[in-house]
Amino acid sequence: MIDIQYLLLLQKLREMSGGIFDEFFNGMSKISVDLLIFIPFAIYWSLNKEWGKRFIGTMYGSELINGLVKLSVCAYRPWIRSDLIQPAGDSKVAATGYSFPSGHTKKLPLYWVQR
């Protein structure tokens, strides 16, 4: 269970920092999940319709692939697999479903859209 050991190391670093970065990373996570979804539509309506269509198609395609991989792998959240893992913030409530791949990974880089 090397992944649990790695997460325990990260947890130890978080504890040593006194949680000083918790709010920053929680904020970054919320921005990526809640706000970035509007960028493709803003691009479509204000900058370039063709580029916006590609961006929207990529976004929905990556959502589909992400969901299929999650259902194929069925990786439980680390705190479900080990009582030693204590997530920061409201992760136990907010993070639902399987953990791999992360929902944050479905935001593909822009260079994929430009091809």
PDB file of N, CA and C in Angstrom:
ATOM      1  N   MET A   1       0.833  -1.192   0.000  1.00  0.00           N
ATOM      2  CA  MET A   1       0.000   0.000   0.000  1.00  0.00           C
ATOM      3  C   MET A   1       0.875   1.250   0.000  1.00  0.00           C
ATOM      4  N   ILE A   2       1.683   1.342  -1.025  1.00  0.00           N
ATOM      5  CA  ILE A   2       2.600   2.470  -1.122  1.00  0.00           C
ATOM      6  C   ILE A   2       1.847   3.787  -1.288  1.00  0.00           C
ATOM      7  N   ASP A   3       0.677   3.734  -1.924  1.00  0.00           N
ATOM      8  CA  ASP A   3      -0.088   4.979  -2.092  1.00  0.00           C
ATOM      9  C   ASP A   3      -0.569   5.518  -0.750  1.00  0.00           C
ATOM     10  N   ILE A   4      -0.936   4.648   0.172  1.00  0.00           N
ATOM     11  CA  ILE A   4      -1.359   5.092   1.503  1.00  0.00           C
ATOM     12  C   ILE A   4      -0.168   5.688   2.251  1.00  0.00           C
ATOM     13  N   GLN A   5       1.009   5.071   2.111  1.00  0.00           N
ATOM     14  CA  GLN A   5       2.202   5.616   2.759  1.00  0.00           C
ATOM     15  C   GLN A   5       2.536   7.003   2.215  1.00  0.00           C
ATOM     16  N   TYR A   6       2.395   7.162   0.924  1.00  0.00           N
ATOM     17  CA  TYR A   6       2.633   8.473   0.300  1.00  0.00           C
ATOM     18  C   TYR A   6       1.634   9.502   0.828  1.00  0.00           C
ATOM     19  N   LEU A   7       0.369   9.117   0.919  1.00  0.00           N
ATOM     20  CA  LEU A   7      -0.644  10.036   1.442  1.00  0.00           C
ATOM     21  C   LEU A   7      -0.410  10.363   2.912  1.00  0.00           C
ATOM     22  N   LEU A   8       0.087   9.400   3.662  1.00  0.00           N
ATOM     23  CA  LEU A   8       0.429   9.668   5.063  1.00  0.00           C
ATOM     24  C   LEU A   8       1.582  10.666   5.168  1.00  0.00           C
ATOM     25  N   LEU A   9       2.535  10.582   4.229  1.00  0.00           N
ATOM     26  CA  LEU A   9       3.625  11.556   4.194  1.00  0.00           C
ATOM     27  C   LEU A   9       3.075  12.948   3.901  1.00  0.00           C
ATOM     28  N   LEU A  10       2.201  13.052   2.916  1.00  0.00           N
ATOM     29  CA  LEU A  10       1.590  14.347   2.598  1.00  0.00           C
ATOM     30  C   LEU A  10       0.762  14.870   3.779  1.00  0.00           C
ATOM     31  N   GLN A  11       0.068  13.974   4.446  1.00  0.00           N
ATOM     32  CA  GLN A  11      -0.724  14.368   5.614  1.00  0.00           C
ATOM     33  C   GLN A  11       0.191  14.901   6.713  1.00  0.00           C
ATOM     34  N   LYS A  12       1.335  14.243   6.907  1.00  0.00           N
ATOM     35  CA  LYS A  12       2.305  14.687   7.918  1.00  0.00           C
ATOM     36  C   LYS A  12       2.833  16.088   7.576  1.00  0.00           C
ATOM     37  N   LEU A  13       3.119  16.325   6.303  1.00  0.00           N
ATOM     38  CA  LEU A  13       3.576  17.655   5.876  1.00  0.00           C
ATOM     39  C   LEU A  13       2.498  18.708   6.119  1.00  0.00           C
ATOM     40  N   ARG A  14       1.251  18.349   5.836  1.00  0.00           N
ATOM     41  CA  ARG A  14       0.142  19.273   6.085  1.00  0.00           C
ATOM     42  C   ARG A  14       0.033  19.597   7.573  1.00  0.00           C
ATOM     43  N   GLU A  15       0.166  18.572   8.398  1.00  0.00           N
ATOM     44  CA  GLU A  15       0.095  18.786   9.848  1.00  0.00           C
ATOM     45  C   GLU A  15       1.262  19.640  10.342  1.00  0.00           C
ATOM     46  N   MET A  16       2.469  19.410   9.776  1.00  0.00           N
ATOM     47  CA  MET A  16       3.635  20.194  10.175  1.00  0.00           C
ATOM     48  C   MET A  16       3.489  21.668   9.790  1.00  0.00           C
ATOM     49  N   SER A  17       2.781  21.927   8.690  1.00  0.00           N
ATOM     50  CA  SER A  17       2.593  23.323   8.260  1.00  0.00           C
ATOM     51  C   SER A  17       1.483  24.006   9.050  1.00  0.00           C
ATOM     52  N   GLY A  18       0.797  23.260   9.884  1.00  0.00           N
ATOM     53  CA  GLY A  18      -0.284  23.842  10.676  1.00  0.00           C
ATOM     54  C   GLY A  18      -1.525  24.163   9.842  1.00  0.00           C
ATOM     55  N   GLY A  19      -1.618  23.556   8.674  1.00  0.00           N
ATOM     56  CA  GLY A  19      -2.783  23.784   7.819  1.00  0.00           C
ATOM     57  C   GLY A  19      -2.789  25.138   7.136  1.00  0.00           C
ATOM     58  N   ILE A  20      -1.620  25.779   7.052  1.00  0.00           N
ATOM     59  CA  ILE A  20      -1.545  27.129   6.493  1.00  0.00           C
ATOM     60  C   ILE A  20      -1.965  27.168   5.017  1.00  0.00           C
ATOM     61  N   PHE A  21      -1.777  26.058   4.301  1.00  0.00           N
ATOM     62  CA  PHE A  21      -2.109  26.021   2.876  1.00  0.00           C
ATOM     63  C   PHE A  21      -3.492  25.437   2.593  1.00  0.00           C
ATOM     64  N   ASP A  22      -4.187  24.954   3.617  1.00  0.00           N
ATOM     65  CA  ASP A  22      -5.474  24.279   3.412  1.00  0.00           C
ATOM     66  C   ASP A  22      -6.478  25.147   2.674  1.00  0.00           C
ATOM     67  N   GLU A  23      -6.650  26.368   3.116  1.00  0.00           N
ATOM     68  CA  GLU A  23      -7.639  27.247   2.486  1.00  0.00           C
ATOM     69  C   GLU A  23      -7.256  27.583   1.058  1.00  0.00           C
ATOM     70  N   PHE A  24      -5.963  27.769   0.817  1.00  0.00           N
ATOM     71  CA  PHE A  24      -5.504  28.068  -0.540  1.00  0.00           C
ATOM     72  C   PHE A  24      -5.844  26.923  -1.485  1.00  0.00           C
ATOM     73  N   PHE A  25      -5.472  25.689  -1.112  1.00  0.00           N
ATOM     74  CA  PHE A  25      -5.723  24.549  -1.992  1.00  0.00           C
ATOM     75  C   PHE A  25      -7.207  24.224  -2.097  1.00  0.00           C
ATOM     76  N   ASN A  26      -7.963  24.404  -1.037  1.00  0.00           N
ATOM     77  CA  ASN A  26      -9.413  24.223  -1.132  1.00  0.00           C
ATOM     78  C   ASN A  26     -10.011  25.258  -2.083  1.00  0.00           C
ATOM     79  N   GLY A  27      -9.528  26.486  -2.008  1.00  0.00           N
ATOM     80  CA  GLY A  27     -10.001  27.528  -2.917  1.00  0.00           C
ATOM     81  C   GLY A  27      -9.664  27.222  -4.363  1.00  0.00           C
ATOM     82  N   MET A  28      -8.441  26.747  -4.612  1.00  0.00           N
ATOM     83  CA  MET A  28      -8.041  26.382  -5.975  1.00  0.00           C
ATOM     84  C   MET A  28      -8.910  25.244  -6.512  1.00  0.00           C
ATOM     85  N   SER A  29      -9.205  24.297  -5.643  1.00  0.00           N
ATOM     86  CA  SER A  29     -10.045  23.176  -6.041  1.00  0.00           C
ATOM     87  C   SER A  29     -11.453  23.652  -6.400  1.00  0.00           C
ATOM     88  N   LYS A  30     -12.002  24.522  -5.585  1.00  0.00           N
ATOM     89  CA  LYS A  30     -13.351  25.040  -5.850  1.00  0.00           C
ATOM     90  C   LYS A  30     -13.387  25.859  -7.142  1.00  0.00           C
ATOM     91  N   ILE A  31     -12.339  26.642  -7.396  1.00  0.00           N
ATOM     92  CA  ILE A  31     -12.276  27.414  -8.640  1.00  0.00           C
ATOM     93  C   ILE A  31     -12.261  26.476  -9.834  1.00  0.00           C
ATOM     94  N   SER A  32     -11.435  25.435  -9.769  1.00  0.00           N
ATOM     95  CA  SER A  32     -11.331  24.533 -10.914  1.00  0.00           C
ATOM     96  C   SER A  32     -12.627  23.781 -11.172  1.00  0.00           C
ATOM     97  N   VAL A  33     -13.351  23.464 -10.130  1.00  0.00           N
ATOM     98  CA  VAL A  33     -14.585  22.699 -10.307  1.00  0.00           C
ATOM     99  C   VAL A  33     -15.774  23.615 -10.621  1.00  0.00           C
ATOM    100  N   ASP A  34     -15.861  24.751  -9.941  1.00  0.00           N
ATOM    101  CA  ASP A  34     -17.052  25.588 -10.042  1.00  0.00           C
ATOM    102  C   ASP A  34     -16.988  26.676 -11.112  1.00  0.00           C
ATOM    103  N   LEU A  35     -15.820  27.262 -11.332  1.00  0.00           N
ATOM    104  CA  LEU A  35     -15.747  28.399 -12.236  1.00  0.00           C
ATOM    105  C   LEU A  35     -15.209  28.082 -13.623  1.00  0.00           C
ATOM    106  N   LEU A  36     -14.240  27.181 -13.706  1.00  0.00           N
ATOM    107  CA  LEU A  36     -13.616  26.919 -14.998  1.00  0.00           C
ATOM    108  C   LEU A  36     -14.573  26.313 -16.016  1.00  0.00           C
ATOM    109  N   ILE A  37     -15.661  25.751 -15.557  1.00  0.00           N
ATOM    110  CA  ILE A  37     -16.624  25.159 -16.478  1.00  0.00           C
ATOM    111  C   ILE A  37     -17.267  26.214 -17.391  1.00  0.00           C
ATOM    112  N   PHE A  38     -17.243  27.464 -16.965  1.00  0.00           N
ATOM    113  CA  PHE A  38     -17.855  28.530 -17.754  1.00  0.00           C
ATOM    114  C   PHE A  38     -16.935  29.090 -18.834  1.00  0.00           C
ATOM    115  N   ILE A  39     -15.645  28.815 -18.743  1.00  0.00           N
ATOM    116  CA  ILE A  39     -14.691  29.376 -19.704  1.00  0.00           C
ATOM    117  C   ILE A  39     -14.985  28.955 -21.142  1.00  0.00           C
ATOM    118  N   PRO A  40     -15.260  27.667 -21.431  1.00  0.00           N
ATOM    119  CA  PRO A  40     -15.542  27.307 -22.829  1.00  0.00           C
ATOM    120  C   PRO A  40     -16.738  28.062 -23.408  1.00  0.00           C
ATOM    121  N   PHE A  41     -17.747  28.292 -22.597  1.00  0.00           N
ATOM    122  CA  PHE A  41     -18.928  29.000 -23.085  1.00  0.00           C
ATOM    123  C   PHE A  41     -18.625  30.479 -23.302  1.00  0.00           C
ATOM    124  N   ALA A  42     -17.819  31.041 -22.432  1.00  0.00           N
ATOM    125  CA  ALA A  42     -17.404  32.436 -22.614  1.00  0.00           C
ATOM    126  C   ALA A  42     -16.579  32.582 -23.886  1.00  0.00           C
ATOM    127  N   ILE A  43     -15.716  31.607 -24.154  1.00  0.00           N
ATOM    128  CA  ILE A  43     -14.927  31.635 -25.390  1.00  0.00           C
ATOM    129  C   ILE A  43     -15.848  31.533 -26.594  1.00  0.00           C
ATOM    130  N   TYR A  44     -16.815  30.634 -26.523  1.00  0.00           N
ATOM    131  CA  TYR A  44     -17.757  30.462 -27.632  1.00  0.00           C
ATOM    132  C   TYR A  44     -18.520  31.754 -27.919  1.00  0.00           C
ATOM    133  N   TRP A  45     -19.042  32.384 -26.878  1.00  0.00           N
ATOM    134  CA  TRP A  45     -19.883  33.560 -27.076  1.00  0.00           C
ATOM    135  C   TRP A  45     -19.109  34.843 -27.370  1.00  0.00           C
ATOM    136  N   SER A  46     -17.865  34.926 -26.884  1.00  0.00           N
ATOM    137  CA  SER A  46     -17.199  36.219 -27.016  1.00  0.00           C
ATOM    138  C   SER A  46     -15.942  36.226 -27.878  1.00  0.00           C
ATOM    139  N   LEU A  47     -15.279  35.102 -28.056  1.00  0.00           N
ATOM    140  CA  LEU A  47     -14.012  35.135 -28.781  1.00  0.00           C
ATOM    141  C   LEU A  47     -14.058  34.429 -30.133  1.00  0.00           C
ATOM    142  N   ASN A  48     -14.339  33.123 -30.108  1.00  0.00           N
ATOM    143  CA  ASN A  48     -14.257  32.354 -31.339  1.00  0.00           C
ATOM    144  C   ASN A  48     -15.200  31.156 -31.235  1.00  0.00           C
ATOM    145  N   LYS A  49     -16.207  31.140 -32.069  1.00  0.00           N
ATOM    146  CA  LYS A  49     -17.219  30.081 -31.987  1.00  0.00           C
ATOM    147  C   LYS A  49     -16.634  28.702 -32.292  1.00  0.00           C
ATOM    148  N   GLU A  50     -15.765  28.598 -33.300  1.00  0.00           N
ATOM    149  CA  GLU A  50     -15.182  27.303 -33.652  1.00  0.00           C
ATOM    150  C   GLU A  50     -14.305  26.774 -32.515  1.00  0.00           C
ATOM    151  N   TRP A  51     -13.470  27.624 -31.966  1.00  0.00           N
ATOM    152  CA  TRP A  51     -12.605  27.232 -30.853  1.00  0.00           C
ATOM    153  C   TRP A  51     -13.461  26.870 -29.639  1.00  0.00           C
ATOM    154  N   GLY A  52     -14.530  27.639 -29.390  1.00  0.00           N
ATOM    155  CA  GLY A  52     -15.432  27.357 -28.282  1.00  0.00           C
ATOM    156  C   GLY A  52     -16.113  26.003 -28.438  1.00  0.00           C
ATOM    157  N   LYS A  53     -16.531  25.673 -29.676  1.00  0.00           N
ATOM    158  CA  LYS A  53     -17.150  24.361 -29.919  1.00  0.00           C
ATOM    159  C   LYS A  53     -16.173  23.229 -29.617  1.00  0.00           C
ATOM    160  N   ARG A  54     -14.934  23.398 -30.043  1.00  0.00           N
ATOM    161  CA  ARG A  54     -13.928  22.376 -29.757  1.00  0.00           C
ATOM    162  C   ARG A  54     -13.702  22.236 -28.259  1.00  0.00           C
ATOM    163  N   PHE A  55     -13.613  23.368 -27.603  1.00  0.00           N
ATOM    164  CA  PHE A  55     -13.379  23.367 -26.158  1.00  0.00           C
ATOM    165  C   PHE A  55     -14.538  22.685 -25.436  1.00  0.00           C
ATOM    166  N   ILE A  56     -15.776  23.004 -25.821  1.00  0.00           N
ATOM    167  CA  ILE A  56     -16.951  22.395 -25.194  1.00  0.00           C
ATOM    168  C   ILE A  56     -16.987  20.895 -25.479  1.00  0.00           C
ATOM    169  N   GLY A  57     -16.685  20.502 -26.730  1.00  0.00           N
ATOM    170  CA  GLY A  57     -16.645  19.081 -27.077  1.00  0.00           C
ATOM    171  C   GLY A  57     -15.579  18.333 -26.295  1.00  0.00           C
ATOM    172  N   THR A  58     -14.418  18.958 -26.142  1.00  0.00           N
ATOM    173  CA  THR A  58     -13.342  18.350 -25.363  1.00  0.00           C
ATOM    174  C   THR A  58     -13.751  18.196 -23.911  1.00  0.00           C
ATOM    175  N   MET A  59     -14.405  19.214 -23.380  1.00  0.00           N
ATOM    176  CA  MET A  59     -14.822  19.182 -21.987  1.00  0.00           C
ATOM    177  C   MET A  59     -15.813  18.030 -21.747  1.00  0.00           C
ATOM    178  N   TYR A  60     -16.828  17.923 -22.603  1.00  0.00           N
ATOM    179  CA  TYR A  60     -17.813  16.854 -22.416  1.00  0.00           C
ATOM    180  C   TYR A  60     -17.228  15.477 -22.711  1.00  0.00           C
ATOM    181  N   GLY A  61     -16.316  15.400 -23.701  1.00  0.00           N
ATOM    182  CA  GLY A  61     -15.646  14.133 -23.989  1.00  0.00           C
ATOM    183  C   GLY A  61     -14.801  13.673 -22.816  1.00  0.00           C
ATOM    184  N   SER A  62     -14.091  14.613 -22.201  1.00  0.00           N
ATOM    185  CA  SER A  62     -13.254  14.245 -21.057  1.00  0.00           C
ATOM    186  C   SER A  62     -14.113  13.867 -19.855  1.00  0.00           C
ATOM    187  N   GLU A  63     -15.284  14.494 -19.703  1.00  0.00           N
ATOM    188  CA  GLU A  63     -16.220  14.097 -18.638  1.00  0.00           C
ATOM    189  C   GLU A  63     -16.643  12.639 -18.838  1.00  0.00           C
ATOM    190  N   LEU A  64     -16.946  12.274 -20.065  1.00  0.00           N
ATOM    191  CA  LEU A  64     -17.373  10.916 -20.381  1.00  0.00           C
ATOM    192  C   LEU A  64     -16.247   9.913 -20.112  1.00  0.00           C
ATOM    193  N   ILE A  65     -15.054  10.206 -20.608  1.00  0.00           N
ATOM    194  CA  ILE A  65     -13.913   9.308 -20.396  1.00  0.00           C
ATOM    195  C   ILE A  65     -13.603   9.179 -18.915  1.00  0.00           C
ATOM    196  N   ASN A  66     -13.611  10.309 -18.204  1.00  0.00           N
ATOM    197  CA  ASN A  66     -13.332  10.301 -16.770  1.00  0.00           C
ATOM    198  C   ASN A  66     -14.326   9.401 -16.037  1.00  0.00           C
ATOM    199  N   GLY A  67     -15.605   9.519 -16.373  1.00  0.00           N
ATOM    200  CA  GLY A  67     -16.637   8.702 -15.733  1.00  0.00           C
ATOM    201  C   GLY A  67     -16.477   7.231 -16.036  1.00  0.00           C
ATOM    202  N   LEU A  68     -16.143   6.900 -17.275  1.00  0.00           N
ATOM    203  CA  LEU A  68     -15.949   5.503 -17.646  1.00  0.00           C
ATOM    204  C   LEU A  68     -14.747   4.888 -16.926  1.00  0.00           C
ATOM    205  N   VAL A  69     -13.664   5.661 -16.827  1.00  0.00           N
ATOM    206  CA  VAL A  69     -12.482   5.147 -16.121  1.00  0.00           C
ATOM    207  C   VAL A  69     -12.794   4.976 -14.636  1.00  0.00           C
ATOM    208  N   LYS A  70     -13.500   5.947 -14.042  1.00  0.00           N
ATOM    209  CA  LYS A  70     -13.870   5.829 -12.620  1.00  0.00           C
ATOM    210  C   LYS A  70     -14.671   4.552 -12.371  1.00  0.00           C
ATOM    211  N   LEU A  71     -15.640   4.296 -13.235  1.00  0.00           N
ATOM    212  CA  LEU A  71     -16.473   3.103 -13.054  1.00  0.00           C
ATOM    213  C   LEU A  71     -15.722   1.818 -13.364  1.00  0.00           C
ATOM    214  N   SER A  72     -14.697   1.889 -14.193  1.00  0.00           N
ATOM    215  CA  SER A  72     -13.899   0.701 -14.508  1.00  0.00           C
ATOM    216  C   SER A  72     -12.912   0.364 -13.399  1.00  0.00           C
ATOM    217  N   VAL A  73     -12.275   1.408 -12.832  1.00  0.00           N
ATOM    218  CA  VAL A  73     -11.239   1.188 -11.822  1.00  0.00           C
ATOM    219  C   VAL A  73     -11.842   0.955 -10.436  1.00  0.00           C
ATOM    220  N   CYS A  74     -12.891   1.676 -10.092  1.00  0.00           N
ATOM    221  CA  CYS A  74     -13.562   1.555  -8.793  1.00  0.00           C
ATOM    222  C   CYS A  74     -12.601   1.729  -7.608  1.00  0.00           C
ATOM    223  N   ALA A  75     -11.806   2.782  -7.626  1.00  0.00           N
ATOM    224  CA  ALA A  75     -10.844   3.054  -6.546  1.00  0.00           C
ATOM    225  C   ALA A  75     -11.541   3.850  -5.444  1.00  0.00           C
ATOM    226  N   TYR A  76     -11.633   3.255  -4.275  1.00  0.00           N
ATOM    227  CA  TYR A  76     -12.274   3.928  -3.148  1.00  0.00           C
ATOM    228  C   TYR A  76     -11.424   5.088  -2.650  1.00  0.00           C
ATOM    229  N   ARG A  77     -12.058   6.015  -1.992  1.00  0.00           N
ATOM    230  CA  ARG A  77     -11.355   7.156  -1.403  1.00  0.00           C
ATOM    231  C   ARG A  77     -10.361   6.655  -0.366  1.00  0.00           C
ATOM    232  N   PRO A  78      -9.215   7.355  -0.223  1.00  0.00           N
ATOM    233  CA  PRO A  78      -8.182   6.887   0.714  1.00  0.00           C
ATOM    234  C   PRO A  78      -8.675   6.744   2.146  1.00  0.00           C
ATOM    235  N   TRP A  79      -9.528   7.642   2.615  1.00  0.00           N
ATOM    236  CA  TRP A  79     -10.006   7.548   3.997  1.00  0.00           C
ATOM    237  C   TRP A  79     -10.993   6.400   4.193  1.00  0.00           C
ATOM    238  N   ILE A  80     -11.511   5.854   3.123  1.00  0.00           N
ATOM    239  CA  ILE A  80     -12.342   4.653   3.219  1.00  0.00           C
ATOM    240  C   ILE A  80     -11.431   3.426   3.310  1.00  0.00           C
ATOM    241  N   ARG A  81     -10.317   3.458   2.592  1.00  0.00           N
ATOM    242  CA  ARG A  81      -9.381   2.333   2.586  1.00  0.00           C
ATOM    243  C   ARG A  81      -8.520   2.265   3.839  1.00  0.00           C
ATOM    244  N   SER A  82      -8.274   3.413   4.490  1.00  0.00           N
ATOM    245  CA  SER A  82      -7.436   3.422   5.678  1.00  0.00           C
ATOM    246  C   SER A  82      -7.939   4.463   6.668  1.00  0.00           C
ATOM    247  N   ASP A  83      -8.112   4.045   7.911  1.00  0.00           N
ATOM    248  CA  ASP A  83      -8.552   4.971   8.959  1.00  0.00           C
ATOM    249  C   ASP A  83      -7.477   5.990   9.329  1.00  0.00           C
ATOM    250  N   LEU A  84      -6.249   5.743   8.901  1.00  0.00           N
ATOM    251  CA  LEU A  84      -5.149   6.651   9.223  1.00  0.00           C
ATOM    252  C   LEU A  84      -5.211   7.949   8.425  1.00  0.00           C
ATOM    253  N   ILE A  85      -5.875   7.919   7.262  1.00  0.00           N
ATOM    254  CA  ILE A  85      -5.956   9.100   6.403  1.00  0.00           C
ATOM    255  C   ILE A  85      -7.069  10.012   6.904  1.00  0.00           C
ATOM    256  N   GLN A  86      -6.712  11.252   7.168  1.00  0.00           N
ATOM    257  CA  GLN A  86      -7.674  12.271   7.593  1.00  0.00           C
ATOM    258  C   GLN A  86      -7.622  13.425   6.595  1.00  0.00           C
ATOM    259  N   PRO A  87      -8.595  13.530   5.705  1.00  0.00           N
ATOM    260  CA  PRO A  87      -8.551  14.583   4.693  1.00  0.00           C
ATOM    261  C   PRO A  87      -8.779  15.967   5.301  1.00  0.00           C
ATOM    262  N   ALA A  88      -8.306  16.959   4.587  1.00  0.00           N
ATOM    263  CA  ALA A  88      -8.472  18.345   5.031  1.00  0.00           C
ATOM    264  C   ALA A  88      -9.847  18.863   4.639  1.00  0.00           C
ATOM    265  N   GLY A  89     -10.319  19.824   5.393  1.00  0.00           N
ATOM    266  CA  GLY A  89     -11.572  20.508   5.058  1.00  0.00           C
ATOM    267  C   GLY A  89     -12.779  19.597   5.047  1.00  0.00           C
ATOM    268  N   ASP A  90     -13.659  19.887   4.094  1.00  0.00           N
ATOM    269  CA  ASP A  90     -14.924  19.152   3.997  1.00  0.00           C
ATOM    270  C   ASP A  90     -14.857  18.010   2.979  1.00  0.00           C
ATOM    271  N   SER A  91     -13.674  17.485   2.751  1.00  0.00           N
ATOM    272  CA  SER A  91     -13.496  16.458   1.725  1.00  0.00           C
ATOM    273  C   SER A  91     -14.344  15.220   1.956  1.00  0.00           C
ATOM    274  N   LYS A  92     -14.519  14.814   3.203  1.00  0.00           N
ATOM    275  CA  LYS A  92     -15.318  13.611   3.467  1.00  0.00           C
ATOM    276  C   LYS A  92     -16.755  13.785   3.008  1.00  0.00           C
ATOM    277  N   VAL A  93     -17.253  15.005   3.066  1.00  0.00           N
ATOM    278  CA  VAL A  93     -18.624  15.276   2.646  1.00  0.00           C
ATOM    279  C   VAL A  93     -18.680  15.639   1.165  1.00  0.00           C
ATOM    280  N   ALA A  94     -17.736  16.476   0.729  1.00  0.00           N
ATOM    281  CA  ALA A  94     -17.782  17.019  -0.628  1.00  0.00           C
ATOM    282  C   ALA A  94     -17.309  16.028  -1.690  1.00  0.00           C
ATOM    283  N   ALA A  95     -16.329  15.200  -1.369  1.00  0.00           N
ATOM    284  CA  ALA A  95     -15.779  14.260  -2.343  1.00  0.00           C
ATOM    285  C   ALA A  95     -16.593  12.978  -2.317  1.00  0.00           C
ATOM    286  N   THR A  96     -17.410  12.803  -3.334  1.00  0.00           N
ATOM    287  CA  THR A  96     -18.255  11.616  -3.410  1.00  0.00           C
ATOM    288  C   THR A  96     -17.771  10.723  -4.545  1.00  0.00           C
ATOM    289  N   GLY A  97     -18.220   9.511  -4.558  1.00  0.00           N
ATOM    290  CA  GLY A  97     -17.853   8.586  -5.629  1.00  0.00           C
ATOM    291  C   GLY A  97     -16.449   8.049  -5.470  1.00  0.00           C
ATOM    292  N   TYR A  98     -15.951   7.470  -6.532  1.00  0.00           N
ATOM    293  CA  TYR A  98     -14.608   6.901  -6.524  1.00  0.00           C
ATOM    294  C   TYR A  98     -13.565   8.007  -6.648  1.00  0.00           C
ATOM    295  N   SER A  99     -12.313   7.673  -6.267  1.00  0.00           N
ATOM    296  CA  SER A  99     -11.280   8.701  -6.210  1.00  0.00           C
ATOM    297  C   SER A  99     -10.400   8.780  -7.451  1.00  0.00           C
ATOM    298  N   PHE A 100     -10.364   7.738  -8.258  1.00  0.00           N
ATOM    299  CA  PHE A 100      -9.472   7.756  -9.419  1.00  0.00           C
ATOM    300  C   PHE A 100     -10.249   7.518 -10.689  1.00  0.00           C
ATOM    301  N   PRO A 101      -9.983   8.289 -11.715  1.00  0.00           N
ATOM    302  CA  PRO A 101      -9.153   9.487 -11.756  1.00  0.00           C
ATOM    303  C   PRO A 101      -9.867  10.656 -11.090  1.00  0.00           C
ATOM    304  N   SER A 102      -9.109  11.598 -10.641  1.00  0.00           N
ATOM    305  CA  SER A 102      -9.673  12.761  -9.973  1.00  0.00           C
ATOM    306  C   SER A 102     -10.581  13.533 -10.926  1.00  0.00           C
ATOM    307  N   GLY A 103     -11.629  14.116 -10.391  1.00  0.00           N
ATOM    308  CA  GLY A 103     -12.495  14.961 -11.206  1.00  0.00           C
ATOM    309  C   GLY A 103     -11.763  16.167 -11.751  1.00  0.00           C
ATOM    310  N   HIS A 104     -10.674  16.540 -11.108  1.00  0.00           N
ATOM    311  CA  HIS A 104      -9.883  17.678 -11.582  1.00  0.00           C
ATOM    312  C   HIS A 104      -9.120  17.350 -12.864  1.00  0.00           C
ATOM    313  N   THR A 105      -8.936  16.071 -13.157  1.00  0.00           N
ATOM    314  CA  THR A 105      -8.159  15.696 -14.333  1.00  0.00           C
ATOM    315  C   THR A 105      -8.950  15.855 -15.621  1.00  0.00           C
ATOM    316  N   LYS A 106     -10.233  16.067 -15.523  1.00  0.00           N
ATOM    317  CA  LYS A 106     -11.018  16.177 -16.753  1.00  0.00           C
ATOM    318  C   LYS A 106     -10.884  17.535 -17.422  1.00  0.00           C
ATOM    319  N   LYS A 107     -10.169  18.433 -16.803  1.00  0.00           N
ATOM    320  CA  LYS A 107      -9.903  19.731 -17.416  1.00  0.00           C
ATOM    321  C   LYS A 107      -8.667  19.583 -18.286  1.00  0.00           C
ATOM    322  N   LEU A 108      -8.844  19.293 -19.571  1.00  0.00           N
ATOM    323  CA  LEU A 108      -7.714  19.052 -20.453  1.00  0.00           C
ATOM    324  C   LEU A 108      -7.009  20.363 -20.798  1.00  0.00           C
ATOM    325  N   PRO A 109      -5.691  20.295 -21.017  1.00  0.00           N
ATOM    326  CA  PRO A 109      -4.958  21.507 -21.373  1.00  0.00           C
ATOM    327  C   PRO A 109      -5.481  22.097 -22.684  1.00  0.00           C
ATOM    328  N   LEU A 110      -5.307  23.393 -22.830  1.00  0.00           N
ATOM    329  CA  LEU A 110      -5.822  24.085 -24.008  1.00  0.00           C
ATOM    330  C   LEU A 110      -5.174  23.615 -25.298  1.00  0.00           C
ATOM    331  N   TYR A 111      -3.938  23.138 -25.260  1.00  0.00           N
ATOM    332  CA  TYR A 111      -3.301  22.734 -26.504  1.00  0.00           C
ATOM    333  C   TYR A 111      -4.015  21.555 -27.165  1.00  0.00           C
ATOM    334  N   TRP A 112      -4.763  20.758 -26.388  1.00  0.00           N
ATOM    335  CA  TRP A 112      -5.551  19.680 -26.981  1.00  0.00           C
ATOM    336  C   TRP A 112      -6.674  20.251 -27.833  1.00  0.00           C
ATOM    337  N   VAL A 113      -7.188  21.369 -27.422  1.00  0.00           N
ATOM    338  CA  VAL A 113      -8.299  21.989 -28.135  1.00  0.00           C
ATOM    339  C   VAL A 113      -7.808  22.633 -29.418  1.00  0.00           C
ATOM    340  N   GLN A 114      -6.606  23.175 -29.405  1.00  0.00           N
ATOM    341  CA  GLN A 114      -6.093  23.924 -30.549  1.00  0.00           C
ATOM    342  C   GLN A 114      -5.685  23.033 -31.709  1.00  0.00           C
ATOM    343  N   ARG A 115      -5.540  21.739 -31.496  1.00  0.00           N
ATOM    344  CA  ARG A 115      -5.096  20.847 -32.576  1.00  0.00           C
ATOM    345  C   ARG A 115      -6.110  20.727 -33.667  1.00  0.00           C
TER     346      ARG A 115
END
